[in-house]
Amino acid sequence: MESEKKVVLIVDDEPDFRVYLSTFLEDNGFLTVTAKDGDEALAKVQRNRPDLITLDITMPEKSGVRFYREIKEDKGLSDIPIIIVTGVTRDFKSFISTRHEVPPPEGYVTKPIDLDEVLKLVTELSSK
Protein backbone atom coordinates (compact mmCIF):
# COMPACT_ATOMS: atom_id res chain seq x y z
CA MET A 1 0.00 0.00 0.00
CA GLU A 2 1.39 3.39 -0.99
CA SER A 3 1.88 5.77 1.89
CA GLU A 4 -0.04 9.01 1.77
CA LYS A 5 1.84 11.86 0.13
CA LYS A 6 2.93 14.71 2.38
CA VAL A 7 1.48 18.15 1.62
CA VAL A 8 3.81 21.15 1.39
CA LEU A 9 2.46 24.71 1.35
CA ILE A 10 4.79 26.97 -0.66
CA VAL A 11 4.42 30.64 0.29
CA ASP A 12 6.22 33.08 -2.03
CA ASP A 13 5.20 36.23 -3.90
CA GLU A 14 7.19 35.24 -7.02
CA PRO A 15 4.97 33.10 -9.32
CA ASP A 16 7.98 31.60 -11.15
CA PHE A 17 9.55 30.49 -7.88
CA ARG A 18 6.27 28.92 -6.68
CA VAL A 19 6.01 26.92 -9.92
CA TYR A 20 9.71 25.95 -9.80
CA LEU A 21 9.64 24.68 -6.22
CA SER A 22 6.20 23.10 -6.60
CA THR A 23 7.23 21.17 -9.72
CA PHE A 24 10.46 20.01 -8.07
CA LEU A 25 8.72 18.79 -4.90
CA GLU A 26 5.92 17.09 -6.85
CA ASP A 27 8.53 15.32 -9.01
CA ASN A 28 9.94 14.02 -5.72
CA GLY A 29 6.69 12.60 -4.37
CA PHE A 30 5.08 15.49 -2.49
CA LEU A 31 1.74 17.21 -3.01
CA THR A 32 1.98 20.99 -3.08
CA VAL A 33 -0.30 23.94 -2.47
CA THR A 34 0.86 27.49 -3.12
CA ALA A 35 0.08 30.95 -1.76
CA LYS A 36 1.27 34.37 -2.91
CA ASP A 37 1.33 36.03 0.53
CA GLY A 38 0.74 35.49 4.23
CA ASP A 39 -3.00 36.22 4.06
CA GLU A 40 -3.65 33.61 1.38
CA ALA A 41 -1.35 31.16 3.17
CA LEU A 42 -3.14 31.54 6.50
CA ALA A 43 -6.51 30.88 4.85
CA LYS A 44 -5.11 27.74 3.18
CA VAL A 45 -3.54 26.47 6.42
CA GLN A 46 -6.83 26.92 8.28
CA ARG A 47 -8.78 25.18 5.49
CA ASN A 48 -6.43 22.24 4.91
CA ARG A 49 -3.50 21.82 7.29
CA PRO A 50 -0.24 21.05 5.42
CA ASP A 51 2.51 18.75 6.69
CA LEU A 52 5.13 21.47 6.13
CA ILE A 53 5.40 25.11 4.97
CA THR A 54 8.15 26.79 2.94
CA LEU A 55 7.99 30.51 3.60
CA ASP A 56 9.46 33.54 1.88
CA ILE A 57 10.04 36.48 4.21
CA THR A 58 9.69 39.54 1.99
CA MET A 59 6.19 39.64 0.52
CA PRO A 60 3.49 42.26 -0.02
CA GLU A 61 0.33 42.17 2.11
CA LYS A 62 1.10 40.02 5.15
CA SER A 63 4.87 39.54 5.45
CA GLY A 64 6.49 36.19 6.06
CA VAL A 65 7.60 37.30 9.53
CA ARG A 66 4.03 38.15 10.55
CA PHE A 67 2.66 34.90 9.09
CA TYR A 68 5.42 32.92 10.85
CA ARG A 69 4.60 34.55 14.18
CA GLU A 70 0.85 33.88 13.76
CA ILE A 71 1.43 30.19 13.00
CA LYS A 72 3.92 29.66 15.83
CA GLU A 73 1.67 31.46 18.36
CA ASP A 74 -1.36 29.32 17.43
CA LYS A 75 -1.40 26.22 19.66
CA GLY A 76 -3.25 24.22 16.98
CA LEU A 77 -0.78 25.10 14.21
CA SER A 78 2.53 25.73 15.97
CA ASP A 79 3.81 22.19 15.38
CA ILE A 80 3.75 22.57 11.57
CA PRO A 81 7.42 22.67 10.51
CA ILE A 82 8.40 25.85 8.63
CA ILE A 83 11.39 26.22 6.35
CA ILE A 84 12.29 29.85 5.70
CA VAL A 85 13.28 30.19 2.02
CA THR A 86 14.54 33.69 1.37
CA GLY A 87 17.02 35.91 -0.39
CA VAL A 88 17.49 37.81 2.89
CA THR A 89 20.97 37.27 4.31
CA ARG A 90 22.03 34.81 6.97
CA ASP A 91 21.85 37.67 9.48
CA PHE A 92 18.10 37.23 9.28
CA LYS A 93 18.45 33.63 10.47
CA SER A 94 20.17 34.90 13.62
CA PHE A 95 17.51 37.56 14.07
CA ILE A 96 14.48 35.26 13.75
CA SER A 97 16.18 32.60 15.88
CA THR A 98 16.66 35.02 18.78
CA ARG A 99 13.05 36.22 18.97
CA HIS A 100 11.80 35.13 22.37
CA GLU A 101 8.13 35.29 21.41
CA VAL A 102 8.43 32.46 18.88
CA PRO A 103 10.73 29.47 18.38
CA PRO A 104 13.34 29.48 15.60
CA PRO A 105 12.28 28.01 12.25
CA GLU A 106 12.82 24.29 11.74
CA GLY A 107 14.77 25.01 8.55
CA TYR A 108 16.42 27.89 6.72
CA VAL A 109 17.45 28.02 3.06
CA THR A 110 18.82 31.03 1.18
CA LYS A 111 17.99 31.91 -2.42
CA PRO A 112 19.17 30.94 -4.91
CA ILE A 113 18.20 27.61 -3.39
CA ASP A 114 20.11 24.36 -3.43
CA LEU A 115 17.45 21.83 -4.50
CA ASP A 116 19.21 18.91 -2.79
CA GLU A 117 19.29 20.85 0.49
CA VAL A 118 15.59 21.75 0.17
CA LEU A 119 14.59 18.16 -0.63
CA LYS A 120 16.58 16.82 2.32
CA LEU A 121 14.98 19.32 4.74
CA VAL A 122 11.45 18.83 3.39
CA THR A 123 11.78 15.03 3.53
CA GLU A 124 13.17 15.03 7.09
CA LEU A 125 10.79 17.61 8.54
CA SER A 126 7.58 16.42 6.87
CA SER A 127 7.98 12.89 8.23
CA LYS A 128 8.20 13.89 11.90
C-alpha atoms as a PDB file:
ATOM      1  CA  MET A   1       0.000   0.000   0.000  1.00  0.00           C
ATOM      2  CA  GLU A   2       1.385   3.392  -0.992  1.00  0.00           C
ATOM      3  CA  SER A   3       1.878   5.772   1.892  1.00  0.00           C
ATOM      4  CA  GLU A   4      -0.045   9.008   1.773  1.00  0.00           C
ATOM      5  CA  LYS A   5       1.842  11.857   0.134  1.00  0.00           C
ATOM      6  CA  LYS A   6       2.933  14.712   2.382  1.00  0.00           C
ATOM      7  CA  VAL A   7       1.481  18.145   1.617  1.00  0.00           C
ATOM      8  CA  VAL A   8       3.814  21.147   1.389  1.00  0.00           C
ATOM      9  CA  LEU A   9       2.463  24.709   1.351  1.00  0.00           C
ATOM     10  CA  ILE A  10       4.787  26.971  -0.659  1.00  0.00           C
ATOM     11  CA  VAL A  11       4.418  30.645   0.288  1.00  0.00           C
ATOM     12  CA  ASP A  12       6.216  33.075  -2.029  1.00  0.00           C
ATOM     13  CA  ASP A  13       5.203  36.230  -3.897  1.00  0.00           C
ATOM     14  CA  GLU A  14       7.191  35.244  -7.021  1.00  0.00           C
ATOM     15  CA  PRO A  15       4.975  33.101  -9.318  1.00  0.00           C
ATOM     16  CA  ASP A  16       7.980  31.604 -11.148  1.00  0.00           C
ATOM     17  CA  PHE A  17       9.545  30.488  -7.876  1.00  0.00           C
ATOM     18  CA  ARG A  18       6.271  28.920  -6.677  1.00  0.00           C
ATOM     19  CA  VAL A  19       6.013  26.922  -9.917  1.00  0.00           C
ATOM     20  CA  TYR A  20       9.705  25.953  -9.804  1.00  0.00           C
ATOM     21  CA  LEU A  21       9.637  24.678  -6.217  1.00  0.00           C
ATOM     22  CA  SER A  22       6.196  23.102  -6.596  1.00  0.00           C
ATOM     23  CA  THR A  23       7.233  21.168  -9.716  1.00  0.00           C
ATOM     24  CA  PHE A  24      10.460  20.010  -8.065  1.00  0.00           C
ATOM     25  CA  LEU A  25       8.717  18.785  -4.902  1.00  0.00           C
ATOM     26  CA  GLU A  26       5.916  17.087  -6.853  1.00  0.00           C
ATOM     27  CA  ASP A  27       8.533  15.318  -9.011  1.00  0.00           C
ATOM     28  CA  ASN A  28       9.944  14.019  -5.721  1.00  0.00           C
ATOM     29  CA  GLY A  29       6.685  12.602  -4.371  1.00  0.00           C
ATOM     30  CA  PHE A  30       5.079  15.493  -2.488  1.00  0.00           C
ATOM     31  CA  LEU A  31       1.735  17.209  -3.005  1.00  0.00           C
ATOM     32  CA  THR A  32       1.981  20.994  -3.079  1.00  0.00           C
ATOM     33  CA  VAL A  33      -0.302  23.938  -2.469  1.00  0.00           C
ATOM     34  CA  THR A  34       0.860  27.494  -3.122  1.00  0.00           C
ATOM     35  CA  ALA A  35       0.075  30.946  -1.755  1.00  0.00           C
ATOM     36  CA  LYS A  36       1.270  34.369  -2.906  1.00  0.00           C
ATOM     37  CA  ASP A  37       1.333  36.025   0.534  1.00  0.00           C
ATOM     38  CA  GLY A  38       0.740  35.494   4.233  1.00  0.00           C
ATOM     39  CA  ASP A  39      -3.004  36.221   4.058  1.00  0.00           C
ATOM     40  CA  GLU A  40      -3.651  33.614   1.378  1.00  0.00           C
ATOM     41  CA  ALA A  41      -1.346  31.161   3.171  1.00  0.00           C
ATOM     42  CA  LEU A  42      -3.140  31.544   6.498  1.00  0.00           C
ATOM     43  CA  ALA A  43      -6.511  30.884   4.845  1.00  0.00           C
ATOM     44  CA  LYS A  44      -5.114  27.745   3.184  1.00  0.00           C
ATOM     45  CA  VAL A  45      -3.537  26.472   6.421  1.00  0.00           C
ATOM     46  CA  GLN A  46      -6.826  26.916   8.276  1.00  0.00           C
ATOM     47  CA  ARG A  47      -8.779  25.177   5.491  1.00  0.00           C
ATOM     48  CA  ASN A  48      -6.428  22.244   4.913  1.00  0.00           C
ATOM     49  CA  ARG A  49      -3.498  21.823   7.292  1.00  0.00           C
ATOM     50  CA  PRO A  50      -0.235  21.053   5.418  1.00  0.00           C
ATOM     51  CA  ASP A  51       2.514  18.754   6.693  1.00  0.00           C
ATOM     52  CA  LEU A  52       5.129  21.473   6.132  1.00  0.00           C
ATOM     53  CA  ILE A  53       5.403  25.110   4.973  1.00  0.00           C
ATOM     54  CA  THR A  54       8.150  26.787   2.941  1.00  0.00           C
ATOM     55  CA  LEU A  55       7.989  30.506   3.604  1.00  0.00           C
ATOM     56  CA  ASP A  56       9.461  33.540   1.883  1.00  0.00           C
ATOM     57  CA  ILE A  57      10.040  36.481   4.213  1.00  0.00           C
ATOM     58  CA  THR A  58       9.686  39.537   1.986  1.00  0.00           C
ATOM     59  CA  MET A  59       6.188  39.645   0.518  1.00  0.00           C
ATOM     60  CA  PRO A  60       3.490  42.260  -0.016  1.00  0.00           C
ATOM     61  CA  GLU A  61       0.332  42.174   2.110  1.00  0.00           C
ATOM     62  CA  LYS A  62       1.103  40.020   5.152  1.00  0.00           C
ATOM     63  CA  SER A  63       4.874  39.536   5.451  1.00  0.00           C
ATOM     64  CA  GLY A  64       6.488  36.191   6.064  1.00  0.00           C
ATOM     65  CA  VAL A  65       7.596  37.304   9.528  1.00  0.00           C
ATOM     66  CA  ARG A  66       4.033  38.151  10.546  1.00  0.00           C
ATOM     67  CA  PHE A  67       2.658  34.898   9.092  1.00  0.00           C
ATOM     68  CA  TYR A  68       5.422  32.924  10.854  1.00  0.00           C
ATOM     69  CA  ARG A  69       4.598  34.555  14.182  1.00  0.00           C
ATOM     70  CA  GLU A  70       0.855  33.883  13.763  1.00  0.00           C
ATOM     71  CA  ILE A  71       1.434  30.188  12.996  1.00  0.00           C
ATOM     72  CA  LYS A  72       3.919  29.659  15.834  1.00  0.00           C
ATOM     73  CA  GLU A  73       1.671  31.461  18.364  1.00  0.00           C
ATOM     74  CA  ASP A  74      -1.359  29.324  17.432  1.00  0.00           C
ATOM     75  CA  LYS A  75      -1.404  26.217  19.656  1.00  0.00           C
ATOM     76  CA  GLY A  76      -3.247  24.225  16.983  1.00  0.00           C
ATOM     77  CA  LEU A  77      -0.783  25.101  14.206  1.00  0.00           C
ATOM     78  CA  SER A  78       2.530  25.734  15.969  1.00  0.00           C
ATOM     79  CA  ASP A  79       3.809  22.193  15.384  1.00  0.00           C
ATOM     80  CA  ILE A  80       3.753  22.566  11.566  1.00  0.00           C
ATOM     81  CA  PRO A  81       7.424  22.673  10.506  1.00  0.00           C
ATOM     82  CA  ILE A  82       8.395  25.848   8.631  1.00  0.00           C
ATOM     83  CA  ILE A  83      11.389  26.223   6.353  1.00  0.00           C
ATOM     84  CA  ILE A  84      12.292  29.849   5.698  1.00  0.00           C
ATOM     85  CA  VAL A  85      13.280  30.185   2.017  1.00  0.00           C
ATOM     86  CA  THR A  86      14.545  33.694   1.366  1.00  0.00           C
ATOM     87  CA  GLY A  87      17.022  35.915  -0.385  1.00  0.00           C
ATOM     88  CA  VAL A  88      17.493  37.806   2.888  1.00  0.00           C
ATOM     89  CA  THR A  89      20.973  37.268   4.312  1.00  0.00           C
ATOM     90  CA  ARG A  90      22.033  34.807   6.975  1.00  0.00           C
ATOM     91  CA  ASP A  91      21.845  37.674   9.482  1.00  0.00           C
ATOM     92  CA  PHE A  92      18.101  37.230   9.284  1.00  0.00           C
ATOM     93  CA  LYS A  93      18.446  33.632  10.473  1.00  0.00           C
ATOM     94  CA  SER A  94      20.174  34.895  13.618  1.00  0.00           C
ATOM     95  CA  PHE A  95      17.509  37.562  14.069  1.00  0.00           C
ATOM     96  CA  ILE A  96      14.481  35.258  13.752  1.00  0.00           C
ATOM     97  CA  SER A  97      16.182  32.598  15.878  1.00  0.00           C
ATOM     98  CA  THR A  98      16.657  35.024  18.778  1.00  0.00           C
ATOM     99  CA  ARG A  99      13.047  36.221  18.973  1.00  0.00           C
ATOM    100  CA  HIS A 100      11.800  35.133  22.367  1.00  0.00           C
ATOM    101  CA  GLU A 101       8.135  35.292  21.411  1.00  0.00           C
ATOM    102  CA  VAL A 102       8.431  32.464  18.880  1.00  0.00           C
ATOM    103  CA  PRO A 103      10.726  29.473  18.381  1.00  0.00           C
ATOM    104  CA  PRO A 104      13.340  29.484  15.602  1.00  0.00           C
ATOM    105  CA  PRO A 105      12.281  28.013  12.247  1.00  0.00           C
ATOM    106  CA  GLU A 106      12.817  24.287  11.738  1.00  0.00           C
ATOM    107  CA  GLY A 107      14.771  25.007   8.550  1.00  0.00           C
ATOM    108  CA  TYR A 108      16.415  27.885   6.720  1.00  0.00           C
ATOM    109  CA  VAL A 109      17.455  28.022   3.055  1.00  0.00           C
ATOM    110  CA  THR A 110      18.820  31.028   1.180  1.00  0.00           C
ATOM    111  CA  LYS A 111      17.986  31.908  -2.419  1.00  0.00           C
ATOM    112  CA  PRO A 112      19.174  30.941  -4.915  1.00  0.00           C
ATOM    113  CA  ILE A 113      18.197  27.615  -3.392  1.00  0.00           C
ATOM    114  CA  ASP A 114      20.110  24.357  -3.434  1.00  0.00           C
ATOM    115  CA  LEU A 115      17.453  21.826  -4.501  1.00  0.00           C
ATOM    116  CA  ASP A 116      19.207  18.910  -2.791  1.00  0.00           C
ATOM    117  CA  GLU A 117      19.291  20.845   0.486  1.00  0.00           C
ATOM    118  CA  VAL A 118      15.593  21.749   0.168  1.00  0.00           C
ATOM    119  CA  LEU A 119      14.591  18.161  -0.630  1.00  0.00           C
ATOM    120  CA  LYS A 120      16.577  16.821   2.322  1.00  0.00           C
ATOM    121  CA  LEU A 121      14.979  19.318   4.741  1.00  0.00           C
ATOM    122  CA  VAL A 122      11.452  18.833   3.394  1.00  0.00           C
ATOM    123  CA  THR A 123      11.783  15.035   3.532  1.00  0.00           C
ATOM    124  CA  GLU A 124      13.170  15.029   7.094  1.00  0.00           C
ATOM    125  CA  LEU A 125      10.790  17.610   8.544  1.00  0.00           C
ATOM    126  CA  SER A 126       7.576  16.422   6.874  1.00  0.00           C
ATOM    127  CA  SER A 127       7.978  12.888   8.227  1.00  0.00           C
ATOM    128  CA  LYS A 128       8.203  13.886  11.899  1.00  0.00           C
END
